[in-house]
Amino acid sequence: MSVETTQETYTLEEILASVKESHRLILWNDDTNTFDHVIYCLIHHLQYTEGEAERIAWTVHNDGKCAILEGSFTEMEIYRKILKAEGLTVSVE
C-alpha cells in the first residue's frame, strides 16, 4: 500500500507577503465551475447567504475575480485549500 502526498512550495516573495496582517482570498473566473457549484461552495464553506453568494458569482463572472474573504494568511490558506478541493480557482493576496 502506498500513500501519495503533494508538497506545495512557496517563493520568498510569497513567504514575505505572508507576514502582512491582512490577506485576501480571491475567487477567479473559470470555464469549469457552474454558478450553482460556486454559490453552493460560498454558502457551505464561507456561510454567505444565497443572495450574497449569487452577487459574488456574478462579480466573478463579469470582472474575472472577486475578493471573497479577508484575514490572516493562515486562515486564507486554509480556505484556499478547501475551495481548491471543491474545484474552484482561488488564490491568496
N, C-alpha and C. Protein backbone atom coordinates (compact mmCIF):
# COMPACT_ATOMS: atom_id res chain seq x y z
N MET A 1 0.85 -1.18 0.00
CA MET A 1 0.00 0.00 0.00
C MET A 1 0.89 1.24 0.00
N SER A 2 0.57 2.18 -0.87
CA SER A 2 1.35 3.42 -0.91
C SER A 2 0.42 4.61 -0.72
N VAL A 3 1.00 5.66 -0.19
CA VAL A 3 0.25 6.88 0.06
C VAL A 3 0.91 7.99 -0.74
N GLU A 4 0.11 8.67 -1.53
CA GLU A 4 0.63 9.80 -2.30
C GLU A 4 0.38 11.09 -1.55
N THR A 5 1.38 11.93 -1.50
CA THR A 5 1.22 13.25 -0.89
C THR A 5 1.69 14.29 -1.89
N THR A 6 1.14 15.46 -1.75
CA THR A 6 1.60 16.56 -2.59
C THR A 6 2.26 17.59 -1.69
N GLN A 7 3.30 18.18 -2.22
CA GLN A 7 4.03 19.19 -1.46
C GLN A 7 3.93 20.51 -2.20
N GLU A 8 3.53 21.52 -1.49
CA GLU A 8 3.45 22.84 -2.09
C GLU A 8 4.68 23.63 -1.69
N THR A 9 5.24 24.34 -2.64
CA THR A 9 6.41 25.17 -2.34
C THR A 9 6.03 26.62 -2.52
N TYR A 10 6.74 27.48 -1.83
CA TYR A 10 6.46 28.91 -1.86
C TYR A 10 7.74 29.67 -2.20
N THR A 11 7.58 30.77 -2.90
CA THR A 11 8.70 31.63 -3.22
C THR A 11 8.99 32.53 -2.02
N LEU A 12 10.15 33.13 -2.02
CA LEU A 12 10.50 34.06 -0.95
C LEU A 12 9.49 35.20 -0.90
N GLU A 13 9.05 35.67 -2.06
CA GLU A 13 8.07 36.76 -2.12
C GLU A 13 6.76 36.35 -1.43
N GLU A 14 6.32 35.12 -1.65
CA GLU A 14 5.09 34.64 -1.02
C GLU A 14 5.26 34.52 0.49
N ILE A 15 6.41 34.06 0.92
CA ILE A 15 6.66 33.93 2.36
C ILE A 15 6.70 35.31 3.02
N LEU A 16 7.40 36.25 2.40
CA LEU A 16 7.47 37.60 2.96
C LEU A 16 6.10 38.26 2.97
N ALA A 17 5.31 38.00 1.94
CA ALA A 17 3.96 38.57 1.89
C ALA A 17 3.08 38.00 3.00
N SER A 18 3.39 36.80 3.44
CA SER A 18 2.55 36.17 4.46
C SER A 18 2.68 36.83 5.83
N VAL A 19 3.68 37.67 6.03
CA VAL A 19 3.82 38.33 7.33
C VAL A 19 2.95 39.58 7.42
N LYS A 20 2.33 39.97 6.31
CA LYS A 20 1.36 41.07 6.37
C LYS A 20 0.21 40.66 7.27
N GLU A 21 -0.43 41.63 7.89
CA GLU A 21 -1.50 41.33 8.81
C GLU A 21 -2.78 40.85 8.12
N SER A 22 -3.06 41.38 6.95
CA SER A 22 -4.32 41.06 6.31
C SER A 22 -4.08 40.57 4.88
N HIS A 23 -4.72 39.47 4.57
CA HIS A 23 -4.64 38.88 3.23
C HIS A 23 -6.06 38.68 2.72
N ARG A 24 -6.17 38.59 1.39
CA ARG A 24 -7.48 38.41 0.78
C ARG A 24 -7.51 37.09 0.02
N LEU A 25 -8.63 36.41 0.10
CA LEU A 25 -8.86 35.21 -0.68
C LEU A 25 -9.58 35.64 -1.95
N ILE A 26 -8.99 35.33 -3.08
CA ILE A 26 -9.52 35.75 -4.38
C ILE A 26 -10.12 34.56 -5.11
N LEU A 27 -11.36 34.70 -5.54
CA LEU A 27 -12.03 33.70 -6.37
C LEU A 27 -11.94 34.16 -7.81
N TRP A 28 -11.42 33.29 -8.68
CA TRP A 28 -11.20 33.62 -10.09
C TRP A 28 -12.26 32.96 -10.97
N ASN A 29 -12.58 33.61 -12.06
CA ASN A 29 -13.49 33.05 -13.04
C ASN A 29 -12.81 31.89 -13.77
N ASP A 30 -13.57 30.89 -14.09
CA ASP A 30 -13.06 29.79 -14.92
C ASP A 30 -14.19 29.26 -15.79
N ASP A 31 -13.84 28.41 -16.71
CA ASP A 31 -14.84 27.84 -17.61
C ASP A 31 -15.29 26.46 -17.16
N THR A 32 -14.95 26.10 -15.93
CA THR A 32 -15.22 24.76 -15.43
C THR A 32 -16.42 24.70 -14.50
N ASN A 33 -16.47 25.61 -13.54
CA ASN A 33 -17.48 25.54 -12.49
C ASN A 33 -18.76 26.26 -12.88
N THR A 34 -19.89 25.67 -12.49
CA THR A 34 -21.19 26.28 -12.75
C THR A 34 -21.49 27.32 -11.67
N PHE A 35 -22.42 28.20 -11.98
CA PHE A 35 -22.87 29.18 -10.99
C PHE A 35 -23.38 28.47 -9.74
N ASP A 36 -24.15 27.41 -9.96
CA ASP A 36 -24.72 26.68 -8.82
C ASP A 36 -23.64 26.12 -7.91
N HIS A 37 -22.57 25.57 -8.49
CA HIS A 37 -21.50 24.99 -7.68
C HIS A 37 -20.77 26.09 -6.90
N VAL A 38 -20.47 27.20 -7.55
CA VAL A 38 -19.79 28.31 -6.87
C VAL A 38 -20.66 28.82 -5.73
N ILE A 39 -21.93 29.02 -5.99
CA ILE A 39 -22.85 29.50 -4.96
C ILE A 39 -22.93 28.51 -3.80
N TYR A 40 -23.04 27.23 -4.12
CA TYR A 40 -23.08 26.20 -3.08
C TYR A 40 -21.82 26.28 -2.19
N CYS A 41 -20.65 26.37 -2.80
CA CYS A 41 -19.38 26.41 -2.04
C CYS A 41 -19.32 27.64 -1.15
N LEU A 42 -19.74 28.79 -1.66
CA LEU A 42 -19.71 30.02 -0.86
C LEU A 42 -20.66 29.93 0.33
N ILE A 43 -21.81 29.33 0.13
CA ILE A 43 -22.78 29.18 1.22
C ILE A 43 -22.28 28.13 2.22
N HIS A 44 -21.87 26.99 1.70
CA HIS A 44 -21.50 25.86 2.55
C HIS A 44 -20.21 26.10 3.35
N HIS A 45 -19.18 26.65 2.70
CA HIS A 45 -17.88 26.79 3.35
C HIS A 45 -17.63 28.16 3.98
N LEU A 46 -18.24 29.20 3.44
CA LEU A 46 -17.97 30.56 3.94
C LEU A 46 -19.20 31.19 4.60
N GLN A 47 -20.28 30.46 4.67
CA GLN A 47 -21.51 30.89 5.34
C GLN A 47 -22.10 32.18 4.76
N TYR A 48 -21.93 32.39 3.47
CA TYR A 48 -22.61 33.51 2.81
C TYR A 48 -24.09 33.16 2.65
N THR A 49 -24.93 34.18 2.60
CA THR A 49 -26.33 33.93 2.28
C THR A 49 -26.43 33.62 0.79
N GLU A 50 -27.56 33.11 0.38
CA GLU A 50 -27.73 32.79 -1.04
C GLU A 50 -27.60 34.05 -1.90
N GLY A 51 -28.19 35.16 -1.45
CA GLY A 51 -28.10 36.42 -2.20
C GLY A 51 -26.67 36.93 -2.31
N GLU A 52 -25.93 36.86 -1.21
CA GLU A 52 -24.53 37.30 -1.23
C GLU A 52 -23.71 36.42 -2.16
N ALA A 53 -23.93 35.13 -2.09
CA ALA A 53 -23.18 34.18 -2.94
C ALA A 53 -23.49 34.42 -4.42
N GLU A 54 -24.74 34.70 -4.73
CA GLU A 54 -25.12 34.99 -6.13
C GLU A 54 -24.43 36.26 -6.62
N ARG A 55 -24.40 37.31 -5.78
CA ARG A 55 -23.73 38.56 -6.17
C ARG A 55 -22.24 38.33 -6.41
N ILE A 56 -21.60 37.54 -5.55
CA ILE A 56 -20.18 37.23 -5.74
C ILE A 56 -19.98 36.46 -7.04
N ALA A 57 -20.82 35.47 -7.30
CA ALA A 57 -20.70 34.68 -8.53
C ALA A 57 -20.81 35.56 -9.77
N TRP A 58 -21.74 36.52 -9.75
CA TRP A 58 -21.89 37.43 -10.89
C TRP A 58 -20.70 38.37 -11.01
N THR A 59 -20.15 38.83 -9.88
CA THR A 59 -18.96 39.69 -9.92
C THR A 59 -17.79 38.94 -10.54
N VAL A 60 -17.60 37.69 -10.12
CA VAL A 60 -16.51 36.87 -10.67
C VAL A 60 -16.74 36.68 -12.17
N HIS A 61 -17.95 36.39 -12.55
CA HIS A 61 -18.27 36.17 -13.96
C HIS A 61 -17.99 37.43 -14.80
N ASN A 62 -18.39 38.59 -14.29
CA ASN A 62 -18.26 39.83 -15.05
C ASN A 62 -16.87 40.47 -14.96
N ASP A 63 -16.23 40.39 -13.80
CA ASP A 63 -14.95 41.07 -13.59
C ASP A 63 -13.75 40.13 -13.66
N GLY A 64 -13.98 38.83 -13.66
CA GLY A 64 -12.89 37.87 -13.74
C GLY A 64 -12.37 37.40 -12.39
N LYS A 65 -12.66 38.16 -11.34
CA LYS A 65 -12.22 37.77 -10.00
C LYS A 65 -12.99 38.58 -8.96
N CYS A 66 -12.91 38.11 -7.71
CA CYS A 66 -13.56 38.83 -6.62
C CYS A 66 -12.89 38.42 -5.31
N ALA A 67 -12.59 39.40 -4.46
CA ALA A 67 -12.10 39.10 -3.11
C ALA A 67 -13.30 38.61 -2.30
N ILE A 68 -13.18 37.40 -1.75
CA ILE A 68 -14.33 36.81 -1.07
C ILE A 68 -14.15 36.70 0.44
N LEU A 69 -12.93 36.93 0.93
CA LEU A 69 -12.67 36.81 2.36
C LEU A 69 -11.37 37.54 2.67
N GLU A 70 -11.27 38.08 3.88
CA GLU A 70 -10.06 38.77 4.30
C GLU A 70 -9.71 38.32 5.70
N GLY A 71 -8.41 38.13 5.95
CA GLY A 71 -7.96 37.71 7.27
C GLY A 71 -6.50 37.36 7.27
N SER A 72 -6.08 36.56 8.23
CA SER A 72 -4.68 36.17 8.34
C SER A 72 -4.30 35.25 7.18
N PHE A 73 -3.00 35.19 6.90
CA PHE A 73 -2.53 34.32 5.82
C PHE A 73 -2.91 32.87 6.10
N THR A 74 -2.75 32.44 7.34
CA THR A 74 -3.05 31.05 7.69
C THR A 74 -4.52 30.73 7.44
N GLU A 75 -5.40 31.63 7.88
CA GLU A 75 -6.83 31.43 7.67
C GLU A 75 -7.18 31.40 6.19
N MET A 76 -6.62 32.33 5.41
CA MET A 76 -6.90 32.39 3.98
C MET A 76 -6.38 31.14 3.28
N GLU A 77 -5.24 30.65 3.72
CA GLU A 77 -4.65 29.46 3.11
C GLU A 77 -5.52 28.22 3.38
N ILE A 78 -6.09 28.14 4.56
CA ILE A 78 -6.98 27.02 4.89
C ILE A 78 -8.20 27.05 3.97
N TYR A 79 -8.82 28.23 3.84
CA TYR A 79 -9.99 28.34 2.97
C TYR A 79 -9.62 28.14 1.51
N ARG A 80 -8.44 28.58 1.10
CA ARG A 80 -7.98 28.36 -0.28
C ARG A 80 -7.93 26.87 -0.57
N LYS A 81 -7.36 26.11 0.35
CA LYS A 81 -7.25 24.66 0.13
C LYS A 81 -8.61 23.99 0.11
N ILE A 82 -9.52 24.43 0.96
CA ILE A 82 -10.87 23.86 0.98
C ILE A 82 -11.58 24.11 -0.35
N LEU A 83 -11.53 25.37 -0.81
CA LEU A 83 -12.23 25.72 -2.06
C LEU A 83 -11.53 25.11 -3.27
N LYS A 84 -10.21 25.00 -3.21
CA LYS A 84 -9.47 24.35 -4.30
C LYS A 84 -9.88 22.88 -4.40
N ALA A 85 -10.07 22.23 -3.25
CA ALA A 85 -10.50 20.83 -3.24
C ALA A 85 -11.89 20.69 -3.86
N GLU A 86 -12.69 21.75 -3.81
CA GLU A 86 -14.02 21.75 -4.43
C GLU A 86 -13.93 22.05 -5.93
N GLY A 87 -12.72 22.34 -6.41
CA GLY A 87 -12.54 22.60 -7.83
C GLY A 87 -12.54 24.07 -8.22
N LEU A 88 -12.66 24.97 -7.23
CA LEU A 88 -12.67 26.40 -7.55
C LEU A 88 -11.25 26.90 -7.74
N THR A 89 -11.11 27.97 -8.51
CA THR A 89 -9.83 28.60 -8.75
C THR A 89 -9.70 29.77 -7.79
N VAL A 90 -8.81 29.63 -6.80
CA VAL A 90 -8.65 30.62 -5.75
C VAL A 90 -7.18 30.88 -5.49
N SER A 91 -6.89 32.08 -4.99
CA SER A 91 -5.52 32.44 -4.60
C SER A 91 -5.57 33.36 -3.40
N VAL A 92 -4.42 33.53 -2.75
CA VAL A 92 -4.30 34.42 -1.61
C VAL A 92 -3.42 35.58 -2.01
N GLU A 93 -3.89 36.79 -1.74
CA GLU A 93 -3.10 38.00 -2.00
C GLU A 93 -2.84 38.70 -0.68
